[in-house]
Amino acid sequence: MSIINIKCIDQTLTITNAPLIASGDIQTDSVKFEFCPLWDRYVKTAIFYRDESEVYGVLVDENSEAIIPKEVLQSEGCFYFGVHGVLDSKVRTSQ
Protein backbone atom coordinates (compact mmCIF):
# COMPACT_ATOMS: atom_id res chain seq x y z
CA MET A 1 0.00 0.00 0.00
CA SER A 2 1.32 3.45 -0.94
CA ILE A 3 0.47 6.39 1.29
CA ILE A 4 0.74 10.07 0.38
CA ASN A 5 1.36 12.00 3.62
CA ILE A 6 -0.12 15.49 3.91
CA LYS A 7 0.26 18.11 6.61
CA CYS A 8 -2.81 20.36 6.86
CA ILE A 9 -2.10 23.60 8.70
CA ASP A 10 -5.19 25.84 8.74
CA GLN A 11 -6.23 25.63 5.07
CA THR A 12 -2.83 24.88 3.54
CA LEU A 13 -1.89 21.36 2.43
CA THR A 14 1.78 20.40 2.26
CA ILE A 15 2.92 17.06 0.87
CA THR A 16 5.48 15.50 3.21
CA ASN A 17 5.80 12.13 1.42
CA ALA A 18 4.81 11.38 -2.17
CA PRO A 19 5.47 7.78 -3.24
CA LEU A 20 4.86 6.61 -6.79
CA ILE A 21 1.17 5.84 -7.29
CA ALA A 22 0.60 3.61 -10.32
CA SER A 23 -2.49 3.79 -12.49
CA GLY A 24 -4.85 0.85 -12.26
CA ASP A 25 -4.55 0.38 -8.49
CA ILE A 26 -7.79 -0.36 -6.61
CA GLN A 27 -8.18 0.05 -2.84
CA THR A 28 -4.41 -0.02 -2.25
CA ASP A 29 -3.35 3.64 -2.13
CA SER A 30 -4.35 6.35 0.31
CA VAL A 31 -3.79 9.87 1.55
CA LYS A 32 -2.99 10.31 5.23
CA PHE A 33 -3.57 13.74 6.71
CA GLU A 34 -1.97 15.35 9.73
CA PHE A 35 -4.41 18.08 10.81
CA CYS A 36 -3.65 21.10 12.99
CA PRO A 37 -5.99 21.71 15.98
CA LEU A 38 -8.21 24.05 13.91
CA TRP A 39 -9.68 20.88 12.34
CA ASP A 40 -10.54 19.22 15.67
CA ARG A 41 -14.07 17.79 15.87
CA TYR A 42 -14.78 18.42 12.17
CA VAL A 43 -16.11 15.51 10.09
CA LYS A 44 -13.62 15.46 7.24
CA THR A 45 -14.06 14.39 3.62
CA ALA A 46 -11.18 14.07 1.16
CA ILE A 47 -12.05 15.24 -2.35
CA PHE A 48 -10.36 13.62 -5.39
CA TYR A 49 -10.65 14.40 -9.10
CA ARG A 50 -8.90 14.35 -12.45
CA ASP A 51 -11.56 16.48 -14.12
CA GLU A 52 -13.63 18.92 -12.05
CA SER A 53 -16.80 17.53 -13.65
CA GLU A 54 -16.20 14.18 -11.88
CA VAL A 55 -15.41 14.72 -8.20
CA TYR A 56 -15.21 11.88 -5.65
CA GLY A 57 -15.58 12.36 -1.91
CA VAL A 58 -14.16 9.87 0.60
CA LEU A 59 -14.72 10.15 4.35
CA VAL A 60 -11.46 10.54 6.26
CA ASP A 61 -11.31 7.71 8.79
CA GLU A 62 -10.36 7.74 12.49
CA ASN A 63 -6.67 7.40 11.47
CA SER A 64 -6.96 10.56 9.31
CA GLU A 65 -6.67 8.47 6.16
CA ALA A 66 -8.72 8.24 2.95
CA ILE A 67 -8.44 5.59 0.23
CA ILE A 68 -7.82 7.09 -3.21
CA PRO A 69 -10.83 6.23 -5.45
CA LYS A 70 -10.14 3.84 -8.32
CA GLU A 71 -11.82 6.29 -10.70
CA VAL A 72 -8.93 8.77 -10.43
CA LEU A 73 -6.36 5.99 -10.90
CA GLN A 74 -7.85 4.39 -14.02
CA SER A 75 -5.26 5.90 -16.34
CA GLU A 76 -1.87 7.53 -15.96
CA GLY A 77 -1.56 11.23 -15.34
CA CYS A 78 -2.22 13.72 -12.57
CA PHE A 79 -5.05 13.74 -10.09
CA TYR A 80 -5.94 16.40 -7.57
CA PHE A 81 -7.20 16.30 -4.01
CA GLY A 82 -8.18 18.45 -1.07
CA VAL A 83 -10.20 18.14 2.10
CA HIS A 84 -13.20 19.81 3.66
CA GLY A 85 -14.70 19.49 7.10
CA VAL A 86 -18.12 20.12 8.61
CA LEU A 87 -18.86 20.98 12.24
CA ASP A 88 -22.47 21.94 12.93
CA SER A 89 -23.09 24.86 10.53
CA LYS A 90 -19.36 25.54 9.95
CA VAL A 91 -17.46 24.37 6.86
CA ARG A 92 -13.65 24.42 6.64
CA THR A 93 -11.89 23.81 3.31
CA SER A 94 -8.30 23.30 2.19
CA GLN A 95 -6.70 25.09 -0.72
PDB file of N, CA and C in Angstrom:
ATOM      1  N   MET A   1       0.850  -1.188   0.000  1.00  0.00           N
ATOM      2  CA  MET A   1       0.000   0.000   0.000  1.00  0.00           C
ATOM      3  C   MET A   1       0.885   1.236   0.000  1.00  0.00           C
ATOM      4  N   SER A   2       0.592   2.175  -0.883  1.00  0.00           N
ATOM      5  CA  SER A   2       1.318   3.450  -0.944  1.00  0.00           C
ATOM      6  C   SER A   2       0.490   4.519  -0.254  1.00  0.00           C
ATOM      7  N   ILE A   3       1.159   5.344   0.543  1.00  0.00           N
ATOM      8  CA  ILE A   3       0.470   6.392   1.294  1.00  0.00           C
ATOM      9  C   ILE A   3       1.117   7.741   1.005  1.00  0.00           C
ATOM     10  N   ILE A   4       0.304   8.682   0.532  1.00  0.00           N
ATOM     11  CA  ILE A   4       0.737  10.068   0.383  1.00  0.00           C
ATOM     12  C   ILE A   4       0.481  10.745   1.727  1.00  0.00           C
ATOM     13  N   ASN A   5       1.519  11.315   2.334  1.00  0.00           N
ATOM     14  CA  ASN A   5       1.363  12.003   3.616  1.00  0.00           C
ATOM     15  C   ASN A   5       1.226  13.496   3.394  1.00  0.00           C
ATOM     16  N   ILE A   6       0.221  14.072   4.068  1.00  0.00           N
ATOM     17  CA  ILE A   6      -0.118  15.488   3.913  1.00  0.00           C
ATOM     18  C   ILE A   6      -0.200  16.150   5.278  1.00  0.00           C
ATOM     19  N   LYS A   7       0.413  17.300   5.408  1.00  0.00           N
ATOM     20  CA  LYS A   7       0.259  18.106   6.606  1.00  0.00           C
ATOM     21  C   LYS A   7      -0.742  19.206   6.273  1.00  0.00           C
ATOM     22  N   CYS A   8      -1.769  19.360   7.100  1.00  0.00           N
ATOM     23  CA  CYS A   8      -2.808  20.364   6.865  1.00  0.00           C
ATOM     24  C   CYS A   8      -2.765  21.373   8.007  1.00  0.00           C
ATOM     25  N   ILE A   9      -2.187  22.521   7.729  1.00  0.00           N
ATOM     26  CA  ILE A   9      -2.104  23.604   8.701  1.00  0.00           C
ATOM     27  C   ILE A   9      -3.082  24.684   8.248  1.00  0.00           C
ATOM     28  N   ASP A  10      -4.091  24.945   9.080  1.00  0.00           N
ATOM     29  CA  ASP A  10      -5.191  25.841   8.741  1.00  0.00           C
ATOM     30  C   ASP A  10      -5.811  25.343   7.436  1.00  0.00           C
ATOM     31  N   GLN A  11      -5.641  26.060   6.337  1.00  0.00           N
ATOM     32  CA  GLN A  11      -6.232  25.633   5.070  1.00  0.00           C
ATOM     33  C   GLN A  11      -5.181  25.268   4.023  1.00  0.00           C
ATOM     34  N   THR A  12      -3.931  25.168   4.461  1.00  0.00           N
ATOM     35  CA  THR A  12      -2.831  24.880   3.545  1.00  0.00           C
ATOM     36  C   THR A  12      -2.410  23.418   3.642  1.00  0.00           C
ATOM     37  N   LEU A  13      -2.362  22.743   2.499  1.00  0.00           N
ATOM     38  CA  LEU A  13      -1.893  21.363   2.431  1.00  0.00           C
ATOM     39  C   LEU A  13      -0.444  21.352   1.954  1.00  0.00           C
ATOM     40  N   THR A  14       0.384  20.569   2.644  1.00  0.00           N
ATOM     41  CA  THR A  14       1.776  20.402   2.259  1.00  0.00           C
ATOM     42  C   THR A  14       2.071  18.912   2.172  1.00  0.00           C
ATOM     43  N   ILE A  15       2.564  18.468   1.038  1.00  0.00           N
ATOM     44  CA  ILE A  15       2.918  17.057   0.865  1.00  0.00           C
ATOM     45  C   ILE A  15       4.238  16.811   1.583  1.00  0.00           C
ATOM     46  N   THR A  16       4.258  15.831   2.489  1.00  0.00           N
ATOM     47  CA  THR A  16       5.484  15.495   3.212  1.00  0.00           C
ATOM     48  C   THR A  16       6.081  14.172   2.728  1.00  0.00           C
ATOM     49  N   ASN A  17       5.302  13.372   2.013  1.00  0.00           N
ATOM     50  CA  ASN A  17       5.795  12.131   1.420  1.00  0.00           C
ATOM     51  C   ASN A  17       4.924  11.816   0.208  1.00  0.00           C
ATOM     52  N   ALA A  18       5.553  11.631  -0.938  1.00  0.00           N
ATOM     53  CA  ALA A  18       4.807  11.382  -2.175  1.00  0.00           C
ATOM     54  C   ALA A  18       5.386  10.181  -2.905  1.00  0.00           C
ATOM     55  N   PRO A  19       4.985   8.968  -2.531  1.00  0.00           N
ATOM     56  CA  PRO A  19       5.469   7.785  -3.242  1.00  0.00           C
ATOM     57  C   PRO A  19       4.856   7.704  -4.635  1.00  0.00           C
ATOM     58  N   LEU A  20       5.424   6.868  -5.459  1.00  0.00           N
ATOM     59  CA  LEU A  20       4.865   6.612  -6.787  1.00  0.00           C
ATOM     60  C   LEU A  20       3.516   5.922  -6.619  1.00  0.00           C
ATOM     61  N   ILE A  21       2.498   6.454  -7.272  1.00  0.00           N
ATOM     62  CA  ILE A  21       1.169   5.842  -7.294  1.00  0.00           C
ATOM     63  C   ILE A  21       0.923   5.420  -8.741  1.00  0.00           C
ATOM     64  N   ALA A  22       0.767   4.131  -8.966  1.00  0.00           N
ATOM     65  CA  ALA A  22       0.605   3.614 -10.320  1.00  0.00           C
ATOM     66  C   ALA A  22      -0.861   3.594 -10.726  1.00  0.00           C
ATOM     67  N   SER A  23      -1.119   3.867 -11.996  1.00  0.00           N
ATOM     68  CA  SER A  23      -2.493   3.791 -12.485  1.00  0.00           C
ATOM     69  C   SER A  23      -2.967   2.348 -12.452  1.00  0.00           C
ATOM     70  N   GLY A  24      -4.262   2.175 -12.286  1.00  0.00           N
ATOM     71  CA  GLY A  24      -4.855   0.853 -12.257  1.00  0.00           C
ATOM     72  C   GLY A  24      -5.015   0.266 -10.866  1.00  0.00           C
ATOM     73  N   ASP A  25      -4.404   0.891  -9.854  1.00  0.00           N
ATOM     74  CA  ASP A  25      -4.546   0.384  -8.488  1.00  0.00           C
ATOM     75  C   ASP A  25      -5.993   0.526  -8.014  1.00  0.00           C
ATOM     76  N   ILE A  26      -6.442  -0.410  -7.186  1.00  0.00           N
ATOM     77  CA  ILE A  26      -7.786  -0.361  -6.611  1.00  0.00           C
ATOM     78  C   ILE A  26      -7.690  -0.689  -5.130  1.00  0.00           C
ATOM     79  N   GLN A  27      -8.128   0.238  -4.289  1.00  0.00           N
ATOM     80  CA  GLN A  27      -8.183   0.053  -2.838  1.00  0.00           C
ATOM     81  C   GLN A  27      -6.823  -0.229  -2.202  1.00  0.00           C
ATOM     82  N   THR A  28      -5.731   0.248  -2.817  1.00  0.00           N
ATOM     83  CA  THR A  28      -4.408  -0.020  -2.251  1.00  0.00           C
ATOM     84  C   THR A  28      -3.617   1.238  -1.928  1.00  0.00           C
ATOM     85  N   ASP A  29      -4.082   2.395  -2.342  1.00  0.00           N
ATOM     86  CA  ASP A  29      -3.347   3.643  -2.132  1.00  0.00           C
ATOM     87  C   ASP A  29      -4.219   4.619  -1.351  1.00  0.00           C
ATOM     88  N   SER A  30      -3.575   5.428  -0.511  1.00  0.00           N
ATOM     89  CA  SER A  30      -4.353   6.346   0.308  1.00  0.00           C
ATOM     90  C   SER A  30      -3.605   7.650   0.543  1.00  0.00           C
ATOM     91  N   VAL A  31      -4.343   8.602   1.091  1.00  0.00           N
ATOM     92  CA  VAL A  31      -3.789   9.869   1.546  1.00  0.00           C
ATOM     93  C   VAL A  31      -3.994   9.906   3.050  1.00  0.00           C
ATOM     94  N   LYS A  32      -2.916  10.197   3.781  1.00  0.00           N
ATOM     95  CA  LYS A  32      -2.988  10.310   5.235  1.00  0.00           C
ATOM     96  C   LYS A  32      -2.707  11.759   5.610  1.00  0.00           C
ATOM     97  N   PHE A  33      -3.663  12.348   6.322  1.00  0.00           N
ATOM     98  CA  PHE A  33      -3.574  13.744   6.708  1.00  0.00           C
ATOM     99  C   PHE A  33      -3.078  13.883   8.143  1.00  0.00           C
ATOM    100  N   GLU A  34      -2.322  14.931   8.379  1.00  0.00           N
ATOM    101  CA  GLU A  34      -1.972  15.353   9.734  1.00  0.00           C
ATOM    102  C   GLU A  34      -2.577  16.745   9.899  1.00  0.00           C
ATOM    103  N   PHE A  35      -3.651  16.837  10.684  1.00  0.00           N
ATOM    104  CA  PHE A  35      -4.408  18.082  10.815  1.00  0.00           C
ATOM    105  C   PHE A  35      -3.943  18.898  12.015  1.00  0.00           C
ATOM    106  N   CYS A  36      -3.913  20.212  11.861  1.00  0.00           N
ATOM    107  CA  CYS A  36      -3.651  21.100  12.993  1.00  0.00           C
ATOM    108  C   CYS A  36      -4.924  21.154  13.854  1.00  0.00           C
ATOM    109  N   PRO A  37      -4.837  21.682  15.073  1.00  0.00           N
ATOM    110  CA  PRO A  37      -5.991  21.713  15.982  1.00  0.00           C
ATOM    111  C   PRO A  37      -7.219  22.462  15.452  1.00  0.00           C
ATOM    112  N   LEU A  38      -7.058  23.339  14.462  1.00  0.00           N
ATOM    113  CA  LEU A  38      -8.213  24.053  13.907  1.00  0.00           C
ATOM    114  C   LEU A  38      -9.237  23.094  13.293  1.00  0.00           C
ATOM    115  N   TRP A  39      -8.810  21.882  12.953  1.00  0.00           N
ATOM    116  CA  TRP A  39      -9.680  20.879  12.336  1.00  0.00           C
ATOM    117  C   TRP A  39     -10.315  19.938  13.360  1.00  0.00           C
ATOM    118  N   ASP A  40      -9.991  20.107  14.634  1.00  0.00           N
ATOM    119  CA  ASP A  40     -10.538  19.218  15.670  1.00  0.00           C
ATOM    120  C   ASP A  40     -12.063  19.220  15.637  1.00  0.00           C
ATOM    121  N   ARG A  41     -12.628  18.042  15.787  1.00  0.00           N
ATOM    122  CA  ARG A  41     -14.072  17.789  15.868  1.00  0.00           C
ATOM    123  C   ARG A  41     -14.800  17.894  14.527  1.00  0.00           C
ATOM    124  N   TYR A  42     -14.136  18.352  13.493  1.00  0.00           N
ATOM    125  CA  TYR A  42     -14.776  18.416  12.170  1.00  0.00           C
ATOM    126  C   TYR A  42     -14.875  17.014  11.576  1.00  0.00           C
ATOM    127  N   VAL A  43     -15.982  16.727  10.901  1.00  0.00           N
ATOM    128  CA  VAL A  43     -16.106  15.514  10.090  1.00  0.00           C
ATOM    129  C   VAL A  43     -15.474  15.856   8.747  1.00  0.00           C
ATOM    130  N   LYS A  44     -14.437  15.104   8.392  1.00  0.00           N
ATOM    131  CA  LYS A  44     -13.625  15.465   7.236  1.00  0.00           C
ATOM    132  C   LYS A  44     -13.880  14.531   6.054  1.00  0.00           C
ATOM    133  N   THR A  45     -13.904  15.134   4.870  1.00  0.00           N
ATOM    134  CA  THR A  45     -14.059  14.391   3.616  1.00  0.00           C
ATOM    135  C   THR A  45     -12.931  14.798   2.680  1.00  0.00           C
ATOM    136  N   ALA A  46     -12.201  13.803   2.173  1.00  0.00           N
ATOM    137  CA  ALA A  46     -11.182  14.069   1.159  1.00  0.00           C
ATOM    138  C   ALA A  46     -11.880  14.108  -0.199  1.00  0.00           C
ATOM    139  N   ILE A  47     -11.473  15.043  -1.026  1.00  0.00           N
ATOM    140  CA  ILE A  47     -12.049  15.238  -2.353  1.00  0.00           C
ATOM    141  C   ILE A  47     -10.975  14.904  -3.383  1.00  0.00           C
ATOM    142  N   PHE A  48     -11.308  14.047  -4.352  1.00  0.00           N
ATOM    143  CA  PHE A  48     -10.364  13.623  -5.394  1.00  0.00           C
ATOM    144  C   PHE A  48     -10.994  13.867  -6.761  1.00  0.00           C
ATOM    145  N   TYR A  49     -10.157  14.265  -7.725  1.00  0.00           N
ATOM    146  CA  TYR A  49     -10.648  14.402  -9.096  1.00  0.00           C
ATOM    147  C   TYR A  49      -9.495  14.472 -10.091  1.00  0.00           C
ATOM    148  N   ARG A  50      -9.795  14.133 -11.305  1.00  0.00           N
ATOM    149  CA  ARG A  50      -8.899  14.354 -12.451  1.00  0.00           C
ATOM    150  C   ARG A  50      -9.480  15.495 -13.283  1.00  0.00           C
ATOM    151  N   ASP A  51     -10.798  15.497 -13.359  1.00  0.00           N
ATOM    152  CA  ASP A  51     -11.557  16.484 -14.116  1.00  0.00           C
ATOM    153  C   ASP A  51     -12.614  17.031 -13.153  1.00  0.00           C
ATOM    154  N   GLU A  52     -12.715  18.319 -13.026  1.00  0.00           N
ATOM    155  CA  GLU A  52     -13.629  18.919 -12.048  1.00  0.00           C
ATOM    156  C   GLU A  52     -15.095  18.553 -12.271  1.00  0.00           C
ATOM    157  N   SER A  53     -15.416  17.953 -13.430  1.00  0.00           N
ATOM    158  CA  SER A  53     -16.799  17.533 -13.655  1.00  0.00           C
ATOM    159  C   SER A  53     -17.090  16.173 -13.000  1.00  0.00           C
ATOM    160  N   GLU A  54     -16.042  15.476 -12.552  1.00  0.00           N
ATOM    161  CA  GLU A  54     -16.200  14.179 -11.877  1.00  0.00           C
ATOM    162  C   GLU A  54     -15.389  14.196 -10.587  1.00  0.00           C
ATOM    163  N   VAL A  55     -16.052  14.565  -9.503  1.00  0.00           N
ATOM    164  CA  VAL A  55     -15.406  14.716  -8.198  1.00  0.00           C
ATOM    165  C   VAL A  55     -15.867  13.580  -7.292  1.00  0.00           C
ATOM    166  N   TYR A  56     -14.926  13.005  -6.539  1.00  0.00           N
ATOM    167  CA  TYR A  56     -15.215  11.875  -5.654  1.00  0.00           C
ATOM    168  C   TYR A  56     -14.858  12.251  -4.218  1.00  0.00           C
ATOM    169  N   GLY A  57     -15.805  12.084  -3.322  1.00  0.00           N
ATOM    170  CA  GLY A  57     -15.582  12.362  -1.910  1.00  0.00           C
ATOM    171  C   GLY A  57     -15.416  11.067  -1.134  1.00  0.00           C
ATOM    172  N   VAL A  58     -14.424  11.040  -0.230  1.00  0.00           N
ATOM    173  CA  VAL A  58     -14.163   9.867   0.602  1.00  0.00           C
ATOM    174  C   VAL A  58     -14.032  10.345   2.047  1.00  0.00           C
ATOM    175  N   LEU A  59     -14.834   9.778   2.943  1.00  0.00           N
ATOM    176  CA  LEU A  59     -14.721  10.154   4.349  1.00  0.00           C
ATOM    177  C   LEU A  59     -13.329   9.822   4.864  1.00  0.00           C
ATOM    178  N   VAL A  60     -12.754  10.762   5.616  1.00  0.00           N
ATOM    179  CA  VAL A  60     -11.463  10.545   6.259  1.00  0.00           C
ATOM    180  C   VAL A  60     -11.730   9.731   7.518  1.00  0.00           C
ATOM    181  N   ASP A  61     -11.019   8.616   7.678  1.00  0.00           N
ATOM    182  CA  ASP A  61     -11.308   7.709   8.792  1.00  0.00           C
ATOM    183  C   ASP A  61     -10.680   8.187  10.107  1.00  0.00           C
ATOM    184  N   GLU A  62     -10.843   7.383  11.151  1.00  0.00           N
ATOM    185  CA  GLU A  62     -10.358   7.742  12.491  1.00  0.00           C
ATOM    186  C   GLU A  62      -8.836   7.831  12.567  1.00  0.00           C
ATOM    187  N   ASN A  63      -8.135   7.293  11.551  1.00  0.00           N
ATOM    188  CA  ASN A  63      -6.670   7.404  11.468  1.00  0.00           C
ATOM    189  C   ASN A  63      -6.240   8.555  10.563  1.00  0.00           C
ATOM    190  N   SER A  64      -7.203   9.413  10.194  1.00  0.00           N
ATOM    191  CA  SER A  64      -6.963  10.563   9.305  1.00  0.00           C
ATOM    192  C   SER A  64      -6.514  10.140   7.915  1.00  0.00           C
ATOM    193  N   GLU A  65      -7.056   9.022   7.446  1.00  0.00           N
ATOM    194  CA  GLU A  65      -6.670   8.465   6.160  1.00  0.00           C
ATOM    195  C   GLU A  65      -7.888   8.298   5.250  1.00  0.00           C
ATOM    196  N   ALA A  66      -7.667   8.443   3.943  1.00  0.00           N
ATOM    197  CA  ALA A  66      -8.719   8.242   2.946  1.00  0.00           C
ATOM    198  C   ALA A  66      -8.145   7.451   1.781  1.00  0.00           C
ATOM    199  N   ILE A  67      -8.850   6.398   1.384  1.00  0.00           N
ATOM    200  CA  ILE A  67      -8.445   5.586   0.225  1.00  0.00           C
ATOM    201  C   ILE A  67      -8.673   6.392  -1.047  1.00  0.00           C
ATOM    202  N   ILE A  68      -7.694   6.385  -1.936  1.00  0.00           N
ATOM    203  CA  ILE A  68      -7.821   7.090  -3.215  1.00  0.00           C
ATOM    204  C   ILE A  68      -8.785   6.292  -4.103  1.00  0.00           C
ATOM    205  N   PRO A  69      -9.845   6.941  -4.614  1.00  0.00           N
ATOM    206  CA  PRO A  69     -10.827   6.229  -5.446  1.00  0.00           C
ATOM    207  C   PRO A  69     -10.211   5.670  -6.729  1.00  0.00           C
ATOM    208  N   LYS A  70     -10.661   4.484  -7.106  1.00  0.00           N
ATOM    209  CA  LYS A  70     -10.143   3.837  -8.318  1.00  0.00           C
ATOM    210  C   LYS A  70     -10.395   4.690  -9.552  1.00  0.00           C
ATOM    211  N   GLU A  71     -11.458   5.482  -9.528  1.00  0.00           N
ATOM    212  CA  GLU A  71     -11.819   6.286 -10.703  1.00  0.00           C
ATOM    213  C   GLU A  71     -10.733   7.287 -11.078  1.00  0.00           C
ATOM    214  N   VAL A  72      -9.986   7.804 -10.099  1.00  0.00           N
ATOM    215  CA  VAL A  72      -8.931   8.771 -10.433  1.00  0.00           C
ATOM    216  C   VAL A  72      -7.614   8.086 -10.772  1.00  0.00           C
ATOM    217  N   LEU A  73      -7.579   6.752 -10.599  1.00  0.00           N
ATOM    218  CA  LEU A  73      -6.360   5.992 -10.900  1.00  0.00           C
ATOM    219  C   LEU A  73      -6.518   5.091 -12.123  1.00  0.00           C
ATOM    220  N   GLN A  74      -7.587   5.273 -12.886  1.00  0.00           N
ATOM    221  CA  GLN A  74      -7.849   4.394 -14.022  1.00  0.00           C
ATOM    222  C   GLN A  74      -6.830   4.536 -15.140  1.00  0.00           C
ATOM    223  N   SER A  75      -6.267   5.711 -15.293  1.00  0.00           N
ATOM    224  CA  SER A  75      -5.261   5.905 -16.335  1.00  0.00           C
ATOM    225  C   SER A  75      -4.144   6.778 -15.788  1.00  0.00           C
ATOM    226  N   GLU A  76      -3.004   6.757 -16.470  1.00  0.00           N
ATOM    227  CA  GLU A  76      -1.873   7.525 -15.965  1.00  0.00           C
ATOM    228  C   GLU A  76      -2.118   9.016 -16.114  1.00  0.00           C
ATOM    229  N   GLY A  77      -1.433   9.788 -15.308  1.00  0.00           N
ATOM    230  CA  GLY A  77      -1.561  11.231 -15.338  1.00  0.00           C
ATOM    231  C   GLY A  77      -1.776  11.782 -13.939  1.00  0.00           C
ATOM    232  N   CYS A  78      -2.060  13.040 -13.861  1.00  0.00           N
ATOM    233  CA  CYS A  78      -2.217  13.721 -12.572  1.00  0.00           C
ATOM    234  C   CYS A  78      -3.648  13.613 -12.055  1.00  0.00           C
ATOM    235  N   PHE A  79      -3.758  13.564 -10.739  1.00  0.00           N
ATOM    236  CA  PHE A  79      -5.050  13.738 -10.091  1.00  0.00           C
ATOM    237  C   PHE A  79      -4.872  14.772  -8.995  1.00  0.00           C
ATOM    238  N   TYR A  80      -5.966  15.306  -8.536  1.00  0.00           N
ATOM    239  CA  TYR A  80      -5.942  16.401  -7.567  1.00  0.00           C
ATOM    240  C   TYR A  80      -6.758  16.001  -6.349  1.00  0.00           C
ATOM    241  N   PHE A  81      -6.420  16.591  -5.209  1.00  0.00           N
ATOM    242  CA  PHE A  81      -7.197  16.301  -4.009  1.00  0.00           C
ATOM    243  C   PHE A  81      -7.133  17.467  -3.042  1.00  0.00           C
ATOM    244  N   GLY A  82      -8.092  17.474  -2.145  1.00  0.00           N
ATOM    245  CA  GLY A  82      -8.179  18.455  -1.075  1.00  0.00           C
ATOM    246  C   GLY A  82      -9.000  17.837   0.031  1.00  0.00           C
ATOM    247  N   VAL A  83      -9.395  18.645   0.988  1.00  0.00           N
ATOM    248  CA  VAL A  83     -10.198  18.139   2.096  1.00  0.00           C
ATOM    249  C   VAL A  83     -11.135  19.236   2.557  1.00  0.00           C
ATOM    250  N   HIS A  84     -12.318  18.839   3.009  1.00  0.00           N
ATOM    251  CA  HIS A  84     -13.197  19.810   3.661  1.00  0.00           C
ATOM    252  C   HIS A  84     -13.787  19.142   4.903  1.00  0.00           C
ATOM    253  N   GLY A  85     -14.140  19.993   5.848  1.00  0.00           N
ATOM    254  CA  GLY A  85     -14.698  19.489   7.097  1.00  0.00           C
ATOM    255  C   GLY A  85     -15.964  20.234   7.455  1.00  0.00           C
ATOM    256  N   VAL A  86     -16.849  19.532   8.178  1.00  0.00           N
ATOM    257  CA  VAL A  86     -18.121  20.117   8.608  1.00  0.00           C
ATOM    258  C   VAL A  86     -18.244  19.932  10.119  1.00  0.00           C
ATOM    259  N   LEU A  87     -18.593  21.000  10.798  1.00  0.00           N
ATOM    260  CA  LEU A  87     -18.856  20.980  12.237  1.00  0.00           C
ATOM    261  C   LEU A  87     -20.073  21.859  12.483  1.00  0.00           C
ATOM    262  N   ASP A  88     -21.198  21.224  12.773  1.00  0.00           N
ATOM    263  CA  ASP A  88     -22.468  21.942  12.931  1.00  0.00           C
ATOM    264  C   ASP A  88     -22.740  22.737  11.659  1.00  0.00           C
ATOM    265  N   SER A  89     -22.819  24.058  11.730  1.00  0.00           N
ATOM    266  CA  SER A  89     -23.087  24.859  10.529  1.00  0.00           C
ATOM    267  C   SER A  89     -21.796  25.408   9.900  1.00  0.00           C
ATOM    268  N   LYS A  90     -20.641  25.053  10.456  1.00  0.00           N
ATOM    269  CA  LYS A  90     -19.358  25.542   9.947  1.00  0.00           C
ATOM    270  C   LYS A  90     -18.803  24.578   8.901  1.00  0.00           C
ATOM    271  N   VAL A  91     -18.147  25.155   7.883  1.00  0.00           N
ATOM    272  CA  VAL A  91     -17.460  24.371   6.859  1.00  0.00           C
ATOM    273  C   VAL A  91     -16.053  24.925   6.725  1.00  0.00           C
ATOM    274  N   ARG A  92     -15.061  24.043   6.793  1.00  0.00           N
ATOM    275  CA  ARG A  92     -13.649  24.419   6.640  1.00  0.00           C
ATOM    276  C   ARG A  92     -13.139  23.697   5.396  1.00  0.00           C
ATOM    277  N   THR A  93     -12.416  24.402   4.536  1.00  0.00           N
ATOM    278  CA  THR A  93     -11.886  23.809   3.305  1.00  0.00           C
ATOM    279  C   THR A  93     -10.369  24.013   3.216  1.00  0.00           C
ATOM    280  N   SER A  94      -9.720  23.109   2.483  1.00  0.00           N
ATOM    281  CA  SER A  94      -8.300  23.297   2.192  1.00  0.00           C
ATOM    282  C   SER A  94      -8.168  24.019   0.865  1.00  0.00           C
ATOM    283  N   GLN A  95      -6.957  24.428   0.563  1.00  0.00           N
ATOM    284  CA  GLN A  95      -6.695  25.086  -0.723  1.00  0.00           C
ATOM    285  C   GLN A  95      -6.909  24.116  -1.855  1.00  0.00           C
TER     286      GLN A  95
END
